[in-house]
Amino acid sequence: MIKTMNKPYSPKEVGSRIRLRRDQMGLSREDLAQLSGISVRQLSDIELGHTSMSVKSLVQLVDVLNVSSDFILFGQEVEDNEMHQFVSDLLKHYDVRKK
């Protein structure tokens, strides 16, 4: 387990948060995989905590799930953070699905 930002990073907890948000949105694993451009197998492995995800996959999931990367990675939202807002604004204008 890696400690970052005073919060432990746990692939299993990351996967649990992704699955929780997916369930809240009423999406099947297949739906989320298709919307985010991630294979169903990879998404399954991420949700079960068997594998970590790439930055590209993280950005795609954050976009589809409409949550922050801070929530996915650490279970918390960052408030009043100018750098966080800057990065969020940049990601909104960058389509990671373009090749």
PDB file of N, CA and C in Angstrom:
ATOM      1  N   MET A   1       0.845  -1.172   0.000  1.00  0.00           N
ATOM      2  CA  MET A   1       0.000   0.000   0.000  1.00  0.00           C
ATOM      3  C   MET A   1       0.891   1.236   0.000  1.00  0.00           C
ATOM      4  N   ILE A   2       0.583   2.196  -0.843  1.00  0.00           N
ATOM      5  CA  ILE A   2       1.351   3.432  -0.959  1.00  0.00           C
ATOM      6  C   ILE A   2       0.595   4.531  -0.235  1.00  0.00           C
ATOM      7  N   LYS A   3       1.309   5.343   0.550  1.00  0.00           N
ATOM      8  CA  LYS A   3       0.673   6.476   1.208  1.00  0.00           C
ATOM      9  C   LYS A   3       0.945   7.724   0.401  1.00  0.00           C
ATOM     10  N   THR A   4      -0.113   8.397   0.021  1.00  0.00           N
ATOM     11  CA  THR A   4      -0.011   9.627  -0.739  1.00  0.00           C
ATOM     12  C   THR A   4      -1.031  10.609  -0.188  1.00  0.00           C
ATOM     13  N   MET A   5      -0.626  11.865  -0.085  1.00  0.00           N
ATOM     14  CA  MET A   5      -1.526  12.903   0.419  1.00  0.00           C
ATOM     15  C   MET A   5      -2.126  12.502   1.774  1.00  0.00           C
ATOM     16  N   ASN A   6      -1.342  11.822   2.594  1.00  0.00           N
ATOM     17  CA  ASN A   6      -1.781  11.355   3.903  1.00  0.00           C
ATOM     18  C   ASN A   6      -2.954  10.381   3.839  1.00  0.00           C
ATOM     19  N   LYS A   7      -3.249   9.882   2.680  1.00  0.00           N
ATOM     20  CA  LYS A   7      -4.282   8.870   2.519  1.00  0.00           C
ATOM     21  C   LYS A   7      -3.634   7.657   1.875  1.00  0.00           C
ATOM     22  N   PRO A   8      -3.950   6.470   2.343  1.00  0.00           N
ATOM     23  CA  PRO A   8      -3.371   5.284   1.711  1.00  0.00           C
ATOM     24  C   PRO A   8      -3.983   5.034   0.339  1.00  0.00           C
ATOM     25  N   TYR A   9      -3.158   4.644  -0.602  1.00  0.00           N
ATOM     26  CA  TYR A   9      -3.635   4.251  -1.933  1.00  0.00           C
ATOM     27  C   TYR A   9      -3.775   2.738  -1.935  1.00  0.00           C
ATOM     28  N   SER A  10      -4.951   2.291  -2.198  1.00  0.00           N
ATOM     29  CA  SER A  10      -5.228   0.864  -2.227  1.00  0.00           C
ATOM     30  C   SER A  10      -5.976   0.536  -3.513  1.00  0.00           C
ATOM     31  N   PRO A  11      -5.401  -0.306  -4.376  1.00  0.00           N
ATOM     32  CA  PRO A  11      -6.108  -0.685  -5.607  1.00  0.00           C
ATOM     33  C   PRO A  11      -7.495  -1.280  -5.344  1.00  0.00           C
ATOM     34  N   LYS A  12      -7.652  -2.019  -4.250  1.00  0.00           N
ATOM     35  CA  LYS A  12      -8.962  -2.600  -3.938  1.00  0.00           C
ATOM     36  C   LYS A  12      -9.980  -1.519  -3.604  1.00  0.00           C
ATOM     37  N   GLU A  13      -9.540  -0.499  -2.855  1.00  0.00           N
ATOM     38  CA  GLU A  13     -10.451   0.592  -2.513  1.00  0.00           C
ATOM     39  C   GLU A  13     -10.773   1.439  -3.735  1.00  0.00           C
ATOM     40  N   VAL A  14      -9.792   1.643  -4.602  1.00  0.00           N
ATOM     41  CA  VAL A  14     -10.024   2.364  -5.859  1.00  0.00           C
ATOM     42  C   VAL A  14     -11.088   1.628  -6.655  1.00  0.00           C
ATOM     43  N   GLY A  15     -10.926   0.334  -6.806  1.00  0.00           N
ATOM     44  CA  GLY A  15     -11.898  -0.473  -7.536  1.00  0.00           C
ATOM     45  C   GLY A  15     -13.276  -0.418  -6.909  1.00  0.00           C
ATOM     46  N   SER A  16     -13.330  -0.441  -5.590  1.00  0.00           N
ATOM     47  CA  SER A  16     -14.620  -0.368  -4.880  1.00  0.00           C
ATOM     48  C   SER A  16     -15.319   0.965  -5.144  1.00  0.00           C
ATOM     49  N   ARG A  17     -14.543   2.058  -5.159  1.00  0.00           N
ATOM     50  CA  ARG A  17     -15.141   3.369  -5.430  1.00  0.00           C
ATOM     51  C   ARG A  17     -15.650   3.466  -6.868  1.00  0.00           C
ATOM     52  N   ILE A  18     -14.921   2.880  -7.808  1.00  0.00           N
ATOM     53  CA  ILE A  18     -15.376   2.873  -9.198  1.00  0.00           C
ATOM     54  C   ILE A  18     -16.671   2.077  -9.310  1.00  0.00           C
ATOM     55  N   ARG A  19     -16.699   0.909  -8.693  1.00  0.00           N
ATOM     56  CA  ARG A  19     -17.911   0.077  -8.764  1.00  0.00           C
ATOM     57  C   ARG A  19     -19.088   0.767  -8.076  1.00  0.00           C
ATOM     58  N   LEU A  20     -18.856   1.384  -6.922  1.00  0.00           N
ATOM     59  CA  LEU A  20     -19.912   2.095  -6.206  1.00  0.00           C
ATOM     60  C   LEU A  20     -20.513   3.185  -7.092  1.00  0.00           C
ATOM     61  N   ARG A  21     -19.655   3.983  -7.707  1.00  0.00           N
ATOM     62  CA  ARG A  21     -20.146   5.077  -8.559  1.00  0.00           C
ATOM     63  C   ARG A  21     -20.859   4.513  -9.793  1.00  0.00           C
ATOM     64  N   ARG A  22     -20.323   3.451 -10.361  1.00  0.00           N
ATOM     65  CA  ARG A  22     -20.965   2.810 -11.513  1.00  0.00           C
ATOM     66  C   ARG A  22     -22.369   2.342 -11.135  1.00  0.00           C
ATOM     67  N   ASP A  23     -22.488   1.701  -9.960  1.00  0.00           N
ATOM     68  CA  ASP A  23     -23.791   1.232  -9.482  1.00  0.00           C
ATOM     69  C   ASP A  23     -24.734   2.406  -9.233  1.00  0.00           C
ATOM     70  N   GLN A  24     -24.226   3.491  -8.647  1.00  0.00           N
ATOM     71  CA  GLN A  24     -25.051   4.679  -8.394  1.00  0.00           C
ATOM     72  C   GLN A  24     -25.616   5.247  -9.699  1.00  0.00           C
ATOM     73  N   MET A  25     -24.843   5.130 -10.759  1.00  0.00           N
ATOM     74  CA  MET A  25     -25.276   5.653 -12.056  1.00  0.00           C
ATOM     75  C   MET A  25     -26.137   4.649 -12.833  1.00  0.00           C
ATOM     76  N   GLY A  26     -26.301   3.453 -12.289  1.00  0.00           N
ATOM     77  CA  GLY A  26     -27.121   2.439 -12.937  1.00  0.00           C
ATOM     78  C   GLY A  26     -26.471   1.846 -14.184  1.00  0.00           C
ATOM     79  N   LEU A  27     -25.136   1.834 -14.204  1.00  0.00           N
ATOM     80  CA  LEU A  27     -24.408   1.302 -15.355  1.00  0.00           C
ATOM     81  C   LEU A  27     -23.933  -0.116 -15.076  1.00  0.00           C
ATOM     82  N   SER A  28     -24.031  -0.952 -16.074  1.00  0.00           N
ATOM     83  CA  SER A  28     -23.429  -2.280 -15.967  1.00  0.00           C
ATOM     84  C   SER A  28     -21.928  -2.128 -16.215  1.00  0.00           C
ATOM     85  N   ARG A  29     -21.192  -3.156 -15.899  1.00  0.00           N
ATOM     86  CA  ARG A  29     -19.750  -3.134 -16.178  1.00  0.00           C
ATOM     87  C   ARG A  29     -19.517  -2.983 -17.684  1.00  0.00           C
ATOM     88  N   GLU A  30     -20.344  -3.645 -18.469  1.00  0.00           N
ATOM     89  CA  GLU A  30     -20.225  -3.559 -19.925  1.00  0.00           C
ATOM     90  C   GLU A  30     -20.499  -2.146 -20.421  1.00  0.00           C
ATOM     91  N   ASP A  31     -21.525  -1.488 -19.821  1.00  0.00           N
ATOM     92  CA  ASP A  31     -21.842  -0.105 -20.195  1.00  0.00           C
ATOM     93  C   ASP A  31     -20.657   0.819 -19.925  1.00  0.00           C
ATOM     94  N   LEU A  32     -20.112   0.720 -18.718  1.00  0.00           N
ATOM     95  CA  LEU A  32     -19.000   1.597 -18.346  1.00  0.00           C
ATOM     96  C   LEU A  32     -17.772   1.321 -19.206  1.00  0.00           C
ATOM     97  N   ALA A  33     -17.527   0.069 -19.489  1.00  0.00           N
ATOM     98  CA  ALA A  33     -16.386  -0.282 -20.338  1.00  0.00           C
ATOM     99  C   ALA A  33     -16.537   0.353 -21.720  1.00  0.00           C
ATOM    100  N   GLN A  34     -17.712   0.241 -22.281  1.00  0.00           N
ATOM    101  CA  GLN A  34     -17.946   0.799 -23.617  1.00  0.00           C
ATOM    102  C   GLN A  34     -17.838   2.325 -23.599  1.00  0.00           C
ATOM    103  N   LEU A  35     -18.450   2.969 -22.619  1.00  0.00           N
ATOM    104  CA  LEU A  35     -18.430   4.428 -22.545  1.00  0.00           C
ATOM    105  C   LEU A  35     -17.030   4.986 -22.314  1.00  0.00           C
ATOM    106  N   SER A  36     -16.200   4.231 -21.582  1.00  0.00           N
ATOM    107  CA  SER A  36     -14.869   4.728 -21.241  1.00  0.00           C
ATOM    108  C   SER A  36     -13.774   4.223 -22.174  1.00  0.00           C
ATOM    109  N   GLY A  37     -14.120   3.305 -23.076  1.00  0.00           N
ATOM    110  CA  GLY A  37     -13.116   2.786 -23.998  1.00  0.00           C
ATOM    111  C   GLY A  37     -12.143   1.816 -23.359  1.00  0.00           C
ATOM    112  N   ILE A  38     -12.564   1.206 -22.269  1.00  0.00           N
ATOM    113  CA  ILE A  38     -11.752   0.220 -21.542  1.00  0.00           C
ATOM    114  C   ILE A  38     -12.395  -1.143 -21.757  1.00  0.00           C
ATOM    115  N   SER A  39     -11.592  -2.179 -21.899  1.00  0.00           N
ATOM    116  CA  SER A  39     -12.181  -3.507 -22.083  1.00  0.00           C
ATOM    117  C   SER A  39     -12.895  -3.944 -20.808  1.00  0.00           C
ATOM    118  N   VAL A  40     -13.888  -4.786 -20.973  1.00  0.00           N
ATOM    119  CA  VAL A  40     -14.637  -5.301 -19.825  1.00  0.00           C
ATOM    120  C   VAL A  40     -13.693  -6.048 -18.888  1.00  0.00           C
ATOM    121  N   ARG A  41     -12.774  -6.825 -19.433  1.00  0.00           N
ATOM    122  CA  ARG A  41     -11.816  -7.578 -18.621  1.00  0.00           C
ATOM    123  C   ARG A  41     -10.932  -6.636 -17.793  1.00  0.00           C
ATOM    124  N   GLN A  42     -10.428  -5.579 -18.434  1.00  0.00           N
ATOM    125  CA  GLN A  42      -9.583  -4.621 -17.712  1.00  0.00           C
ATOM    126  C   GLN A  42     -10.386  -3.924 -16.617  1.00  0.00           C
ATOM    127  N   LEU A  43     -11.599  -3.508 -16.929  1.00  0.00           N
ATOM    128  CA  LEU A  43     -12.437  -2.850 -15.931  1.00  0.00           C
ATOM    129  C   LEU A  43     -12.716  -3.798 -14.767  1.00  0.00           C
ATOM    130  N   SER A  44     -12.996  -5.043 -15.068  1.00  0.00           N
ATOM    131  CA  SER A  44     -13.223  -6.034 -14.024  1.00  0.00           C
ATOM    132  C   SER A  44     -11.999  -6.162 -13.119  1.00  0.00           C
ATOM    133  N   ASP A  45     -10.827  -6.252 -13.719  1.00  0.00           N
ATOM    134  CA  ASP A  45      -9.589  -6.355 -12.934  1.00  0.00           C
ATOM    135  C   ASP A  45      -9.358  -5.108 -12.080  1.00  0.00           C
ATOM    136  N   ILE A  46      -9.689  -3.939 -12.618  1.00  0.00           N
ATOM    137  CA  ILE A  46      -9.539  -2.689 -11.860  1.00  0.00           C
ATOM    138  C   ILE A  46     -10.512  -2.681 -10.686  1.00  0.00           C
ATOM    139  N   GLU A  47     -11.775  -3.009 -10.951  1.00  0.00           N
ATOM    140  CA  GLU A  47     -12.788  -2.997  -9.891  1.00  0.00           C
ATOM    141  C   GLU A  47     -12.482  -4.004  -8.790  1.00  0.00           C
ATOM    142  N   LEU A  48     -11.881  -5.116  -9.132  1.00  0.00           N
ATOM    143  CA  LEU A  48     -11.551  -6.137  -8.130  1.00  0.00           C
ATOM    144  C   LEU A  48     -10.223  -5.857  -7.427  1.00  0.00           C
ATOM    145  N   GLY A  49      -9.510  -4.819  -7.875  1.00  0.00           N
ATOM    146  CA  GLY A  49      -8.236  -4.465  -7.255  1.00  0.00           C
ATOM    147  C   GLY A  49      -7.090  -5.355  -7.684  1.00  0.00           C
ATOM    148  N   HIS A  50      -7.277  -6.091  -8.780  1.00  0.00           N
ATOM    149  CA  HIS A  50      -6.233  -6.992  -9.264  1.00  0.00           C
ATOM    150  C   HIS A  50      -5.162  -6.278 -10.070  1.00  0.00           C
ATOM    151  N   THR A  51      -5.498  -5.103 -10.588  1.00  0.00           N
ATOM    152  CA  THR A  51      -4.552  -4.357 -11.409  1.00  0.00           C
ATOM    153  C   THR A  51      -4.757  -2.864 -11.215  1.00  0.00           C
ATOM    154  N   SER A  52      -3.722  -2.112 -11.439  1.00  0.00           N
ATOM    155  CA  SER A  52      -3.836  -0.656 -11.433  1.00  0.00           C
ATOM    156  C   SER A  52      -4.212  -0.202 -12.829  1.00  0.00           C
ATOM    157  N   MET A  53      -4.618   1.038 -12.937  1.00  0.00           N
ATOM    158  CA  MET A  53      -5.008   1.548 -14.246  1.00  0.00           C
ATOM    159  C   MET A  53      -4.006   2.584 -14.731  1.00  0.00           C
ATOM    160  N   SER A  54      -3.989   2.791 -16.016  1.00  0.00           N
ATOM    161  CA  SER A  54      -3.141   3.819 -16.600  1.00  0.00           C
ATOM    162  C   SER A  54      -3.760   5.186 -16.331  1.00  0.00           C
ATOM    163  N   VAL A  55      -2.981   6.215 -16.531  1.00  0.00           N
ATOM    164  CA  VAL A  55      -3.498   7.573 -16.387  1.00  0.00           C
ATOM    165  C   VAL A  55      -4.621   7.798 -17.402  1.00  0.00           C
ATOM    166  N   LYS A  56      -4.433   7.300 -18.607  1.00  0.00           N
ATOM    167  CA  LYS A  56      -5.460   7.440 -19.638  1.00  0.00           C
ATOM    168  C   LYS A  56      -6.768   6.804 -19.188  1.00  0.00           C
ATOM    169  N   SER A  57      -6.701   5.602 -18.625  1.00  0.00           N
ATOM    170  CA  SER A  57      -7.915   4.935 -18.136  1.00  0.00           C
ATOM    171  C   SER A  57      -8.546   5.711 -16.992  1.00  0.00           C
ATOM    172  N   LEU A  58      -7.720   6.245 -16.106  1.00  0.00           N
ATOM    173  CA  LEU A  58      -8.230   7.051 -14.999  1.00  0.00           C
ATOM    174  C   LEU A  58      -8.989   8.258 -15.533  1.00  0.00           C
ATOM    175  N   VAL A  59      -8.411   8.962 -16.480  1.00  0.00           N
ATOM    176  CA  VAL A  59      -9.055  10.144 -17.049  1.00  0.00           C
ATOM    177  C   VAL A  59     -10.375   9.762 -17.712  1.00  0.00           C
ATOM    178  N   GLN A  60     -10.380   8.664 -18.438  1.00  0.00           N
ATOM    179  CA  GLN A  60     -11.611   8.219 -19.104  1.00  0.00           C
ATOM    180  C   GLN A  60     -12.695   7.866 -18.086  1.00  0.00           C
ATOM    181  N   LEU A  61     -12.327   7.173 -17.022  1.00  0.00           N
ATOM    182  CA  LEU A  61     -13.303   6.800 -15.999  1.00  0.00           C
ATOM    183  C   LEU A  61     -13.819   8.016 -15.246  1.00  0.00           C
ATOM    184  N   VAL A  62     -12.933   8.935 -14.901  1.00  0.00           N
ATOM    185  CA  VAL A  62     -13.327  10.164 -14.210  1.00  0.00           C
ATOM    186  C   VAL A  62     -14.345  10.924 -15.053  1.00  0.00           C
ATOM    187  N   ASP A  63     -14.093  10.986 -16.351  1.00  0.00           N
ATOM    188  CA  ASP A  63     -14.987  11.705 -17.260  1.00  0.00           C
ATOM    189  C   ASP A  63     -16.367  11.049 -17.299  1.00  0.00           C
ATOM    190  N   VAL A  64     -16.412   9.752 -17.498  1.00  0.00           N
ATOM    191  CA  VAL A  64     -17.693   9.052 -17.614  1.00  0.00           C
ATOM    192  C   VAL A  64     -18.436   9.019 -16.278  1.00  0.00           C
ATOM    193  N   LEU A  65     -17.716   8.794 -15.191  1.00  0.00           N
ATOM    194  CA  LEU A  65     -18.349   8.687 -13.873  1.00  0.00           C
ATOM    195  C   LEU A  65     -18.658  10.040 -13.237  1.00  0.00           C
ATOM    196  N   ASN A  66     -18.140  11.115 -13.855  1.00  0.00           N
ATOM    197  CA  ASN A  66     -18.393  12.479 -13.379  1.00  0.00           C
ATOM    198  C   ASN A  66     -17.983  12.661 -11.915  1.00  0.00           C
ATOM    199  N   VAL A  67     -16.779  12.194 -11.606  1.00  0.00           N
ATOM    200  CA  VAL A  67     -16.186  12.377 -10.275  1.00  0.00           C
ATOM    201  C   VAL A  67     -14.749  12.862 -10.474  1.00  0.00           C
ATOM    202  N   SER A  68     -14.125  13.281  -9.395  1.00  0.00           N
ATOM    203  CA  SER A  68     -12.738  13.733  -9.496  1.00  0.00           C
ATOM    204  C   SER A  68     -11.782  12.551  -9.363  1.00  0.00           C
ATOM    205  N   SER A  69     -10.592  12.739  -9.861  1.00  0.00           N
ATOM    206  CA  SER A  69      -9.569  11.711  -9.690  1.00  0.00           C
ATOM    207  C   SER A  69      -9.225  11.544  -8.214  1.00  0.00           C
ATOM    208  N   ASP A  70      -9.337  12.627  -7.437  1.00  0.00           N
ATOM    209  CA  ASP A  70      -9.087  12.540  -5.990  1.00  0.00           C
ATOM    210  C   ASP A  70     -10.074  11.579  -5.331  1.00  0.00           C
ATOM    211  N   PHE A  71     -11.318  11.623  -5.766  1.00  0.00           N
ATOM    212  CA  PHE A  71     -12.300  10.707  -5.206  1.00  0.00           C
ATOM    213  C   PHE A  71     -11.963   9.267  -5.577  1.00  0.00           C
ATOM    214  N   ILE A  72     -11.673   9.036  -6.852  1.00  0.00           N
ATOM    215  CA  ILE A  72     -11.356   7.675  -7.299  1.00  0.00           C
ATOM    216  C   ILE A  72     -10.124   7.134  -6.583  1.00  0.00           C
ATOM    217  N   LEU A  73      -9.068   7.933  -6.531  1.00  0.00           N
ATOM    218  CA  LEU A  73      -7.802   7.453  -5.979  1.00  0.00           C
ATOM    219  C   LEU A  73      -7.763   7.415  -4.456  1.00  0.00           C
ATOM    220  N   PHE A  74      -8.363   8.413  -3.808  1.00  0.00           N
ATOM    221  CA  PHE A  74      -8.202   8.535  -2.356  1.00  0.00           C
ATOM    222  C   PHE A  74      -9.502   8.610  -1.563  1.00  0.00           C
ATOM    223  N   GLY A  75     -10.638   8.626  -2.248  1.00  0.00           N
ATOM    224  CA  GLY A  75     -11.918   8.657  -1.548  1.00  0.00           C
ATOM    225  C   GLY A  75     -12.271  10.002  -0.971  1.00  0.00           C
ATOM    226  N   GLN A  76     -11.648  11.049  -1.479  1.00  0.00           N
ATOM    227  CA  GLN A  76     -11.958  12.385  -0.982  1.00  0.00           C
ATOM    228  C   GLN A  76     -11.963  13.376  -2.136  1.00  0.00           C
ATOM    229  N   GLU A  77     -12.754  14.394  -1.968  1.00  0.00           N
ATOM    230  CA  GLU A  77     -12.784  15.481  -2.940  1.00  0.00           C
ATOM    231  C   GLU A  77     -11.893  16.599  -2.414  1.00  0.00           C
ATOM    232  N   VAL A  78     -11.177  17.233  -3.303  1.00  0.00           N
ATOM    233  CA  VAL A  78     -10.328  18.354  -2.938  1.00  0.00           C
ATOM    234  C   VAL A  78     -11.122  19.624  -3.182  1.00  0.00           C
ATOM    235  N   GLU A  79     -11.160  20.490  -2.175  1.00  0.00           N
ATOM    236  CA  GLU A  79     -11.890  21.741  -2.313  1.00  0.00           C
ATOM    237  C   GLU A  79     -10.915  22.915  -2.316  1.00  0.00           C
ATOM    238  N   ASP A  80     -11.277  23.960  -3.022  1.00  0.00           N
ATOM    239  CA  ASP A  80     -10.510  25.204  -3.047  1.00  0.00           C
ATOM    240  C   ASP A  80      -9.038  24.986  -3.374  1.00  0.00           C
ATOM    241  N   ASN A  81      -8.786  24.164  -4.334  1.00  0.00           N
ATOM    242  CA  ASN A  81      -7.410  23.898  -4.732  1.00  0.00           C
ATOM    243  C   ASN A  81      -7.247  24.394  -6.165  1.00  0.00           C
ATOM    244  N   GLU A  82      -6.504  25.472  -6.338  1.00  0.00           N
ATOM    245  CA  GLU A  82      -6.374  26.081  -7.657  1.00  0.00           C
ATOM    246  C   GLU A  82      -5.746  25.132  -8.676  1.00  0.00           C
ATOM    247  N   MET A  83      -4.732  24.389  -8.288  1.00  0.00           N
ATOM    248  CA  MET A  83      -4.099  23.461  -9.226  1.00  0.00           C
ATOM    249  C   MET A  83      -5.076  22.377  -9.647  1.00  0.00           C
ATOM    250  N   HIS A  84      -5.841  21.871  -8.696  1.00  0.00           N
ATOM    251  CA  HIS A  84      -6.838  20.851  -9.011  1.00  0.00           C
ATOM    252  C   HIS A  84      -7.837  21.402 -10.031  1.00  0.00           C
ATOM    253  N   GLN A  85      -8.291  22.615  -9.822  1.00  0.00           N
ATOM    254  CA  GLN A  85      -9.240  23.229 -10.745  1.00  0.00           C
ATOM    255  C   GLN A  85      -8.619  23.423 -12.123  1.00  0.00           C
ATOM    256  N   PHE A  86      -7.370  23.842 -12.156  1.00  0.00           N
ATOM    257  CA  PHE A  86      -6.665  24.032 -13.418  1.00  0.00           C
ATOM    258  C   PHE A  86      -6.586  22.718 -14.192  1.00  0.00           C
ATOM    259  N   VAL A  87      -6.188  21.653 -13.510  1.00  0.00           N
ATOM    260  CA  VAL A  87      -6.078  20.345 -14.162  1.00  0.00           C
ATOM    261  C   VAL A  87      -7.465  19.860 -14.610  1.00  0.00           C
ATOM    262  N   SER A  88      -8.468  20.048 -13.784  1.00  0.00           N
ATOM    263  CA  SER A  88      -9.821  19.638 -14.157  1.00  0.00           C
ATOM    264  C   SER A  88     -10.291  20.374 -15.405  1.00  0.00           C
ATOM    265  N   ASP A  89     -10.015  21.667 -15.464  1.00  0.00           N
ATOM    266  CA  ASP A  89     -10.403  22.462 -16.635  1.00  0.00           C
ATOM    267  C   ASP A  89      -9.668  21.987 -17.886  1.00  0.00           C
ATOM    268  N   LEU A  90      -8.393  21.657 -17.739  1.00  0.00           N
ATOM    269  CA  LEU A  90      -7.634  21.148 -18.883  1.00  0.00           C
ATOM    270  C   LEU A  90      -8.213  19.829 -19.383  1.00  0.00           C
ATOM    271  N   LEU A  91      -8.542  18.934 -18.457  1.00  0.00           N
ATOM    272  CA  LEU A  91      -9.072  17.623 -18.836  1.00  0.00           C
ATOM    273  C   LEU A  91     -10.406  17.741 -19.564  1.00  0.00           C
ATOM    274  N   LYS A  92     -11.193  18.745 -19.204  1.00  0.00           N
ATOM    275  CA  LYS A  92     -12.482  18.937 -19.874  1.00  0.00           C
ATOM    276  C   LYS A  92     -12.297  19.278 -21.346  1.00  0.00           C
ATOM    277  N   HIS A  93     -11.174  19.914 -21.662  1.00  0.00           N
ATOM    278  CA  HIS A  93     -10.922  20.331 -23.037  1.00  0.00           C
ATOM    279  C   HIS A  93     -10.075  19.332 -23.815  1.00  0.00           C
ATOM    280  N   TYR A  94      -9.599  18.287 -23.165  1.00  0.00           N
ATOM    281  CA  TYR A  94      -8.747  17.294 -23.823  1.00  0.00           C
ATOM    282  C   TYR A  94      -9.524  16.000 -23.948  1.00  0.00           C
ATOM    283  N   ASP A  95      -9.772  15.586 -25.167  1.00  0.00           N
ATOM    284  CA  ASP A  95     -10.517  14.365 -25.398  1.00  0.00           C
ATOM    285  C   ASP A  95      -9.522  13.207 -25.500  1.00  0.00           C
ATOM    286  N   VAL A  96      -9.422  12.384 -24.450  1.00  0.00           N
ATOM    287  CA  VAL A  96      -8.458  11.281 -24.429  1.00  0.00           C
ATOM    288  C   VAL A  96      -8.837  10.169 -25.390  1.00  0.00           C
ATOM    289  N   ARG A  97     -10.020  10.212 -25.919  1.00  0.00           N
ATOM    290  CA  ARG A  97     -10.433   9.174 -26.859  1.00  0.00           C
ATOM    291  C   ARG A  97      -9.932   9.440 -28.271  1.00  0.00           C
ATOM    292  N   LYS A  98      -9.396  10.642 -28.519  1.00  0.00           N
ATOM    293  CA  LYS A  98      -8.819  10.932 -29.827  1.00  0.00           C
ATOM    294  C   LYS A  98      -7.529  10.159 -29.978  1.00  0.00           C
ATOM    295  N   LYS A  99      -7.256   9.699 -31.157  1.00  0.00           N
ATOM    296  CA  LYS A  99      -6.033   8.923 -31.381  1.00  0.00           C
ATOM    297  C   LYS A  99      -5.049   9.717 -32.153  1.00  0.00           C
TER     298      LYS A  99
END
